[in-house]
Amino acid sequence: MAEQLKLAGMSEAAAAAKSALFTRAEVALRKFGGGVNQQALAYYVPGRIEVLGKHTDYAGGRSLLCALERGFCLMAVPREDSIIRLLDAGRDLSAEFRLDPELEVTNGEWTTYPKTVARRIARNFPGAQRGANIAFASDLPAAAD
């Protein structure tokens, strides 16, 4: 994994750190059972600094951003049902919910954003009915997550 990240332009130190985070996510994903197989997907999502336009990008506004070498390392395995099983490998927190257009979202919980995304997907793409087992780890400061 570290080699792929370096080939993508990440510094050697950051690539090594991300490789360790991917390993944490993979170990956490195995806890869900079913293991990590050839269907497993791995993503790196960089953190960002919002120079201008904070919280306007998802409302259709413009933002001026720059990416960081800190961020989220995520591994996911598709499921046959509509369940989303989510595990924060860094804080050992887990949650389970369905892709559902009426999914109840409670503000202030660590699941607020992922539940909102699941609800939006279910509303905007009614045919999207396959969930996933998802595990992630992050090297962003806790206040930035």
N, C-alpha and C. Protein backbone atom coordinates (compact mmCIF):
# COMPACT_ATOMS: atom_id res chain seq x y z
N MET A 1 0.83 -1.19 0.00
CA MET A 1 0.00 0.00 0.00
C MET A 1 0.87 1.25 0.00
N ALA A 2 1.95 1.25 0.79
CA ALA A 2 2.82 2.43 0.87
C ALA A 2 3.39 2.78 -0.50
N GLU A 3 3.76 1.78 -1.29
CA GLU A 3 4.32 2.05 -2.62
C GLU A 3 3.29 2.72 -3.52
N GLN A 4 2.05 2.24 -3.49
CA GLN A 4 0.99 2.84 -4.30
C GLN A 4 0.77 4.31 -3.92
N LEU A 5 0.80 4.57 -2.62
CA LEU A 5 0.59 5.95 -2.17
C LEU A 5 1.75 6.84 -2.59
N LYS A 6 2.98 6.32 -2.53
CA LYS A 6 4.13 7.12 -2.98
C LYS A 6 4.05 7.38 -4.47
N LEU A 7 3.61 6.37 -5.24
CA LEU A 7 3.46 6.56 -6.68
C LEU A 7 2.40 7.61 -7.00
N ALA A 8 1.43 7.75 -6.11
CA ALA A 8 0.37 8.75 -6.29
C ALA A 8 0.83 10.14 -5.87
N GLY A 9 2.07 10.26 -5.35
CA GLY A 9 2.60 11.57 -5.02
C GLY A 9 2.74 11.87 -3.54
N MET A 10 2.45 10.92 -2.68
CA MET A 10 2.55 11.14 -1.25
C MET A 10 4.01 10.99 -0.81
N SER A 11 4.41 11.75 0.20
CA SER A 11 5.77 11.64 0.72
C SER A 11 5.97 10.25 1.34
N GLU A 12 7.22 9.85 1.44
CA GLU A 12 7.53 8.52 1.98
C GLU A 12 7.02 8.36 3.41
N ALA A 13 7.23 9.36 4.24
CA ALA A 13 6.78 9.28 5.64
C ALA A 13 5.26 9.19 5.73
N ALA A 14 4.57 10.02 4.95
CA ALA A 14 3.10 9.99 4.98
C ALA A 14 2.57 8.68 4.43
N ALA A 15 3.20 8.16 3.38
CA ALA A 15 2.77 6.88 2.80
C ALA A 15 2.92 5.75 3.80
N ALA A 16 4.00 5.74 4.56
CA ALA A 16 4.21 4.71 5.58
C ALA A 16 3.15 4.83 6.68
N ALA A 17 2.86 6.06 7.08
CA ALA A 17 1.84 6.27 8.11
C ALA A 17 0.46 5.83 7.62
N LYS A 18 0.13 6.12 6.36
CA LYS A 18 -1.17 5.72 5.81
C LYS A 18 -1.25 4.20 5.67
N SER A 19 -0.15 3.57 5.32
CA SER A 19 -0.13 2.12 5.21
C SER A 19 -0.50 1.49 6.56
N ALA A 20 0.03 2.06 7.64
CA ALA A 20 -0.32 1.56 8.98
C ALA A 20 -1.80 1.77 9.28
N LEU A 21 -2.36 2.91 8.84
CA LEU A 21 -3.79 3.16 9.06
C LEU A 21 -4.65 2.18 8.25
N PHE A 22 -4.22 1.88 7.01
CA PHE A 22 -4.96 0.90 6.21
C PHE A 22 -4.92 -0.48 6.89
N THR A 23 -3.81 -0.82 7.49
CA THR A 23 -3.71 -2.09 8.21
C THR A 23 -4.69 -2.11 9.38
N ARG A 24 -4.78 -1.01 10.12
CA ARG A 24 -5.76 -0.92 11.22
C ARG A 24 -7.18 -1.10 10.70
N ALA A 25 -7.48 -0.45 9.58
CA ALA A 25 -8.83 -0.55 9.00
C ALA A 25 -9.10 -1.98 8.55
N GLU A 26 -8.11 -2.63 7.95
CA GLU A 26 -8.30 -4.01 7.49
C GLU A 26 -8.53 -4.95 8.66
N VAL A 27 -7.76 -4.80 9.73
CA VAL A 27 -7.95 -5.64 10.93
C VAL A 27 -9.35 -5.42 11.49
N ALA A 28 -9.78 -4.16 11.55
CA ALA A 28 -11.12 -3.85 12.05
C ALA A 28 -12.20 -4.45 11.15
N LEU A 29 -12.00 -4.39 9.85
CA LEU A 29 -12.97 -4.93 8.91
C LEU A 29 -13.13 -6.43 9.10
N ARG A 30 -12.06 -7.12 9.40
CA ARG A 30 -12.12 -8.56 9.64
C ARG A 30 -12.99 -8.89 10.86
N LYS A 31 -13.11 -7.96 11.81
CA LYS A 31 -13.95 -8.18 12.99
C LYS A 31 -15.43 -8.34 12.62
N PHE A 32 -15.82 -7.78 11.48
CA PHE A 32 -17.21 -7.88 11.03
C PHE A 32 -17.54 -9.28 10.55
N GLY A 33 -16.53 -10.10 10.34
CA GLY A 33 -16.77 -11.43 9.79
C GLY A 33 -16.87 -11.34 8.28
N GLY A 34 -16.72 -12.44 7.63
CA GLY A 34 -16.76 -12.44 6.18
C GLY A 34 -15.43 -12.03 5.59
N GLY A 35 -14.58 -11.42 6.40
CA GLY A 35 -13.22 -11.12 5.98
C GLY A 35 -13.10 -10.09 4.89
N VAL A 36 -11.88 -9.92 4.50
CA VAL A 36 -11.53 -9.00 3.42
C VAL A 36 -11.17 -9.86 2.23
N ASN A 37 -11.87 -9.68 1.14
CA ASN A 37 -11.65 -10.52 -0.04
C ASN A 37 -11.33 -9.67 -1.26
N GLN A 38 -11.39 -10.30 -2.41
CA GLN A 38 -11.07 -9.56 -3.64
C GLN A 38 -12.07 -8.44 -3.93
N GLN A 39 -13.22 -8.45 -3.28
CA GLN A 39 -14.19 -7.37 -3.46
C GLN A 39 -13.88 -6.16 -2.59
N ALA A 40 -12.92 -6.29 -1.68
CA ALA A 40 -12.60 -5.18 -0.78
C ALA A 40 -12.08 -3.99 -1.57
N LEU A 41 -12.55 -2.84 -1.18
CA LEU A 41 -12.13 -1.58 -1.79
C LEU A 41 -11.36 -0.78 -0.75
N ALA A 42 -10.31 -0.10 -1.18
CA ALA A 42 -9.53 0.74 -0.27
C ALA A 42 -9.50 2.15 -0.84
N TYR A 43 -9.75 3.13 0.03
CA TYR A 43 -9.77 4.53 -0.38
C TYR A 43 -8.98 5.37 0.62
N TYR A 44 -8.29 6.35 0.11
CA TYR A 44 -7.68 7.37 0.95
C TYR A 44 -8.39 8.68 0.65
N VAL A 45 -8.89 9.32 1.68
CA VAL A 45 -9.59 10.60 1.53
C VAL A 45 -8.78 11.65 2.28
N PRO A 46 -8.13 12.56 1.55
CA PRO A 46 -7.30 13.54 2.24
C PRO A 46 -8.12 14.53 3.06
N GLY A 47 -7.52 14.98 4.15
CA GLY A 47 -8.11 16.08 4.89
C GLY A 47 -7.99 17.33 4.04
N ARG A 48 -8.65 18.38 4.46
CA ARG A 48 -8.57 19.61 3.67
C ARG A 48 -8.58 20.82 4.58
N ILE A 49 -7.99 21.85 4.06
CA ILE A 49 -8.07 23.15 4.71
C ILE A 49 -9.02 23.97 3.85
N GLU A 50 -10.04 24.50 4.47
CA GLU A 50 -10.99 25.34 3.76
C GLU A 50 -10.57 26.79 3.93
N VAL A 51 -10.00 27.34 2.88
CA VAL A 51 -9.52 28.71 2.91
C VAL A 51 -10.69 29.69 2.82
N LEU A 52 -11.67 29.33 2.00
CA LEU A 52 -12.81 30.20 1.77
C LEU A 52 -14.02 29.32 1.45
N GLY A 53 -15.17 29.68 1.98
CA GLY A 53 -16.40 28.97 1.62
C GLY A 53 -16.72 27.79 2.51
N LYS A 54 -16.34 27.82 3.76
CA LYS A 54 -16.60 26.70 4.67
C LYS A 54 -18.09 26.36 4.69
N HIS A 55 -18.37 25.10 4.53
CA HIS A 55 -19.74 24.55 4.54
C HIS A 55 -20.62 25.07 3.41
N THR A 56 -20.06 25.55 2.35
CA THR A 56 -20.89 25.99 1.23
C THR A 56 -20.84 25.00 0.08
N ASP A 57 -19.81 24.15 0.03
CA ASP A 57 -19.66 23.25 -1.12
C ASP A 57 -20.83 22.28 -1.26
N TYR A 58 -21.32 21.73 -0.16
CA TYR A 58 -22.43 20.77 -0.25
C TYR A 58 -23.78 21.46 -0.42
N ALA A 59 -23.81 22.79 -0.36
CA ALA A 59 -25.04 23.53 -0.58
C ALA A 59 -25.04 24.21 -1.94
N GLY A 60 -24.07 23.81 -2.79
CA GLY A 60 -24.03 24.35 -4.14
C GLY A 60 -23.16 25.58 -4.28
N GLY A 61 -22.54 26.03 -3.19
CA GLY A 61 -21.68 27.20 -3.26
C GLY A 61 -20.25 26.82 -3.64
N ARG A 62 -19.41 27.81 -3.69
CA ARG A 62 -18.01 27.60 -4.07
C ARG A 62 -17.13 27.58 -2.83
N SER A 63 -16.02 26.84 -2.94
CA SER A 63 -15.05 26.75 -1.86
C SER A 63 -13.65 26.81 -2.43
N LEU A 64 -12.74 27.32 -1.66
CA LEU A 64 -11.33 27.30 -2.01
C LEU A 64 -10.64 26.41 -0.97
N LEU A 65 -10.09 25.28 -1.44
CA LEU A 65 -9.55 24.26 -0.55
C LEU A 65 -8.12 23.91 -0.92
N CYS A 66 -7.43 23.28 0.03
CA CYS A 66 -6.17 22.62 -0.29
C CYS A 66 -6.14 21.31 0.49
N ALA A 67 -5.59 20.27 -0.12
CA ALA A 67 -5.56 18.94 0.48
C ALA A 67 -4.36 18.82 1.42
N LEU A 68 -4.48 17.93 2.39
CA LEU A 68 -3.43 17.64 3.35
C LEU A 68 -2.93 16.21 3.17
N GLU A 69 -1.79 15.92 3.77
CA GLU A 69 -1.32 14.53 3.78
C GLU A 69 -1.91 13.77 4.95
N ARG A 70 -2.72 14.39 5.74
CA ARG A 70 -3.48 13.69 6.78
C ARG A 70 -4.87 13.44 6.23
N GLY A 71 -5.52 12.39 6.69
CA GLY A 71 -6.85 12.12 6.20
C GLY A 71 -7.39 10.79 6.69
N PHE A 72 -8.32 10.22 5.93
CA PHE A 72 -8.98 8.96 6.26
C PHE A 72 -8.50 7.84 5.36
N CYS A 73 -8.24 6.69 5.95
CA CYS A 73 -7.96 5.47 5.21
C CYS A 73 -9.16 4.55 5.46
N LEU A 74 -9.80 4.14 4.40
CA LEU A 74 -11.05 3.42 4.50
C LEU A 74 -10.99 2.13 3.70
N MET A 75 -11.53 1.05 4.27
CA MET A 75 -11.68 -0.20 3.53
C MET A 75 -13.14 -0.62 3.63
N ALA A 76 -13.67 -1.14 2.52
CA ALA A 76 -15.08 -1.52 2.47
C ALA A 76 -15.27 -2.80 1.67
N VAL A 77 -16.24 -3.58 2.10
CA VAL A 77 -16.64 -4.80 1.38
C VAL A 77 -18.14 -4.70 1.16
N PRO A 78 -18.59 -4.83 -0.10
CA PRO A 78 -20.03 -4.75 -0.37
C PRO A 78 -20.80 -5.89 0.31
N ARG A 79 -22.05 -5.62 0.64
CA ARG A 79 -22.95 -6.61 1.22
C ARG A 79 -24.08 -6.90 0.23
N GLU A 80 -24.80 -7.94 0.45
CA GLU A 80 -25.94 -8.29 -0.40
C GLU A 80 -27.23 -7.63 0.08
N ASP A 81 -27.26 -7.16 1.33
CA ASP A 81 -28.46 -6.51 1.87
C ASP A 81 -28.24 -4.99 1.92
N SER A 82 -29.14 -4.27 2.57
CA SER A 82 -29.05 -2.81 2.60
C SER A 82 -28.41 -2.28 3.89
N ILE A 83 -27.78 -3.15 4.64
CA ILE A 83 -27.17 -2.76 5.92
C ILE A 83 -25.80 -2.10 5.69
N ILE A 84 -25.57 -1.01 6.41
CA ILE A 84 -24.26 -0.38 6.47
C ILE A 84 -23.71 -0.69 7.86
N ARG A 85 -22.57 -1.36 7.91
CA ARG A 85 -21.88 -1.62 9.19
C ARG A 85 -20.60 -0.80 9.16
N LEU A 86 -20.46 0.08 10.13
CA LEU A 86 -19.38 1.06 10.14
C LEU A 86 -18.55 0.89 11.40
N LEU A 87 -17.23 0.89 11.25
CA LEU A 87 -16.34 0.77 12.40
C LEU A 87 -15.23 1.80 12.31
N ASP A 88 -15.13 2.63 13.32
CA ASP A 88 -14.04 3.58 13.46
C ASP A 88 -12.92 2.83 14.18
N ALA A 89 -11.91 2.41 13.44
CA ALA A 89 -10.83 1.59 13.99
C ALA A 89 -9.95 2.36 14.95
N GLY A 90 -9.92 3.66 14.84
CA GLY A 90 -9.10 4.47 15.73
C GLY A 90 -9.71 4.64 17.10
N ARG A 91 -11.03 4.71 17.16
CA ARG A 91 -11.72 4.92 18.44
C ARG A 91 -12.51 3.70 18.89
N ASP A 92 -12.45 2.63 18.10
CA ASP A 92 -13.16 1.39 18.39
C ASP A 92 -14.66 1.64 18.62
N LEU A 93 -15.26 2.40 17.72
CA LEU A 93 -16.69 2.66 17.74
C LEU A 93 -17.33 1.96 16.55
N SER A 94 -18.53 1.45 16.74
CA SER A 94 -19.21 0.81 15.62
C SER A 94 -20.67 1.24 15.58
N ALA A 95 -21.24 1.10 14.40
CA ALA A 95 -22.66 1.43 14.19
C ALA A 95 -23.19 0.58 13.06
N GLU A 96 -24.50 0.38 13.07
CA GLU A 96 -25.16 -0.37 12.01
C GLU A 96 -26.47 0.32 11.71
N PHE A 97 -26.74 0.53 10.42
CA PHE A 97 -27.99 1.16 9.99
C PHE A 97 -28.25 0.76 8.54
N ARG A 98 -29.45 1.02 8.06
CA ARG A 98 -29.84 0.65 6.69
C ARG A 98 -29.77 1.85 5.76
N LEU A 99 -29.58 1.55 4.48
CA LEU A 99 -29.81 2.56 3.44
C LEU A 99 -31.32 2.75 3.43
N ASP A 100 -31.78 3.88 3.89
CA ASP A 100 -33.22 4.09 4.05
C ASP A 100 -33.50 5.58 3.86
N PRO A 101 -34.42 5.92 2.95
CA PRO A 101 -34.73 7.35 2.72
C PRO A 101 -35.31 8.04 3.94
N GLU A 102 -35.80 7.28 4.90
CA GLU A 102 -36.38 7.85 6.13
C GLU A 102 -35.50 7.60 7.35
N LEU A 103 -34.24 7.26 7.13
CA LEU A 103 -33.31 6.99 8.23
C LEU A 103 -33.27 8.17 9.18
N GLU A 104 -33.44 7.90 10.47
CA GLU A 104 -33.40 8.96 11.47
C GLU A 104 -31.95 9.30 11.79
N VAL A 105 -31.64 10.58 11.74
CA VAL A 105 -30.29 11.06 12.02
C VAL A 105 -30.34 11.98 13.23
N THR A 106 -29.50 11.71 14.21
CA THR A 106 -29.43 12.53 15.40
C THR A 106 -28.17 13.39 15.34
N ASN A 107 -28.33 14.69 15.43
CA ASN A 107 -27.17 15.59 15.40
C ASN A 107 -26.32 15.41 16.64
N GLY A 108 -25.02 15.61 16.46
CA GLY A 108 -24.10 15.56 17.59
C GLY A 108 -23.51 14.19 17.87
N GLU A 109 -23.92 13.18 17.13
CA GLU A 109 -23.35 11.84 17.29
C GLU A 109 -22.28 11.61 16.23
N TRP A 110 -21.37 10.69 16.48
CA TRP A 110 -20.31 10.43 15.51
C TRP A 110 -20.86 9.86 14.21
N THR A 111 -22.07 9.35 14.24
CA THR A 111 -22.69 8.76 13.04
C THR A 111 -23.53 9.76 12.24
N THR A 112 -23.60 11.01 12.68
CA THR A 112 -24.45 11.99 12.00
C THR A 112 -24.12 12.08 10.51
N TYR A 113 -22.85 12.26 10.17
CA TYR A 113 -22.48 12.42 8.76
C TYR A 113 -22.71 11.14 7.96
N PRO A 114 -22.21 9.96 8.40
CA PRO A 114 -22.45 8.76 7.59
C PRO A 114 -23.93 8.41 7.43
N LYS A 115 -24.72 8.63 8.46
CA LYS A 115 -26.16 8.37 8.34
C LYS A 115 -26.81 9.34 7.36
N THR A 116 -26.38 10.59 7.39
CA THR A 116 -26.92 11.58 6.46
C THR A 116 -26.59 11.18 5.02
N VAL A 117 -25.37 10.72 4.80
CA VAL A 117 -24.96 10.27 3.46
C VAL A 117 -25.81 9.06 3.04
N ALA A 118 -25.99 8.08 3.93
CA ALA A 118 -26.80 6.90 3.61
C ALA A 118 -28.24 7.29 3.26
N ARG A 119 -28.80 8.21 4.04
CA ARG A 119 -30.17 8.67 3.77
C ARG A 119 -30.25 9.38 2.42
N ARG A 120 -29.24 10.22 2.13
CA ARG A 120 -29.22 10.95 0.85
C ARG A 120 -29.10 10.00 -0.33
N ILE A 121 -28.24 8.99 -0.21
CA ILE A 121 -28.10 7.99 -1.28
C ILE A 121 -29.43 7.28 -1.50
N ALA A 122 -30.08 6.86 -0.41
CA ALA A 122 -31.35 6.15 -0.53
C ALA A 122 -32.43 7.05 -1.16
N ARG A 123 -32.42 8.32 -0.85
CA ARG A 123 -33.41 9.25 -1.42
C ARG A 123 -33.13 9.55 -2.89
N ASN A 124 -31.88 9.79 -3.21
CA ASN A 124 -31.53 10.21 -4.56
C ASN A 124 -31.37 9.06 -5.54
N PHE A 125 -31.09 7.88 -5.04
CA PHE A 125 -30.87 6.70 -5.89
C PHE A 125 -31.69 5.53 -5.35
N PRO A 126 -32.99 5.52 -5.59
CA PRO A 126 -33.87 4.50 -5.02
C PRO A 126 -33.44 3.06 -5.33
N GLY A 127 -32.72 2.85 -6.41
CA GLY A 127 -32.25 1.51 -6.76
C GLY A 127 -31.04 1.07 -5.97
N ALA A 128 -30.40 1.99 -5.25
CA ALA A 128 -29.20 1.65 -4.46
C ALA A 128 -29.66 0.92 -3.20
N GLN A 129 -29.45 -0.39 -3.20
CA GLN A 129 -29.94 -1.17 -2.07
C GLN A 129 -28.88 -2.08 -1.47
N ARG A 130 -27.64 -1.96 -1.94
CA ARG A 130 -26.56 -2.79 -1.39
C ARG A 130 -25.78 -1.99 -0.36
N GLY A 131 -25.71 -2.53 0.84
CA GLY A 131 -24.93 -1.89 1.89
C GLY A 131 -23.47 -2.30 1.80
N ALA A 132 -22.75 -2.09 2.89
CA ALA A 132 -21.33 -2.41 2.93
C ALA A 132 -20.86 -2.52 4.37
N ASN A 133 -19.82 -3.31 4.57
CA ASN A 133 -19.07 -3.29 5.81
C ASN A 133 -17.92 -2.32 5.57
N ILE A 134 -17.80 -1.32 6.41
CA ILE A 134 -16.83 -0.25 6.21
C ILE A 134 -16.03 -0.05 7.50
N ALA A 135 -14.71 -0.03 7.37
CA ALA A 135 -13.85 0.30 8.51
C ALA A 135 -12.91 1.39 8.08
N PHE A 136 -12.64 2.33 8.98
CA PHE A 136 -11.75 3.43 8.64
C PHE A 136 -10.87 3.79 9.85
N ALA A 137 -9.75 4.42 9.51
CA ALA A 137 -8.84 4.99 10.52
C ALA A 137 -8.39 6.33 9.98
N SER A 138 -8.05 7.24 10.88
CA SER A 138 -7.71 8.59 10.48
C SER A 138 -6.54 9.11 11.31
N ASP A 139 -5.73 9.97 10.69
CA ASP A 139 -4.68 10.66 11.44
C ASP A 139 -4.96 12.16 11.53
N LEU A 140 -6.22 12.53 11.28
CA LEU A 140 -6.64 13.91 11.50
C LEU A 140 -6.84 14.14 12.99
N PRO A 141 -6.65 15.34 13.47
CA PRO A 141 -6.97 15.62 14.88
C PRO A 141 -8.45 15.34 15.14
N ALA A 142 -8.77 14.89 16.33
CA ALA A 142 -10.16 14.51 16.66
C ALA A 142 -11.15 15.61 16.37
N ALA A 143 -10.80 16.85 16.62
CA ALA A 143 -11.72 17.97 16.38
C ALA A 143 -11.98 18.20 14.90
N ALA A 144 -11.13 17.64 14.03
CA ALA A 144 -11.29 17.85 12.59
C ALA A 144 -12.10 16.75 11.93
N ASP A 145 -12.33 15.63 12.61
CA ASP A 145 -13.04 14.49 12.01
C ASP A 145 -14.45 14.82 11.67
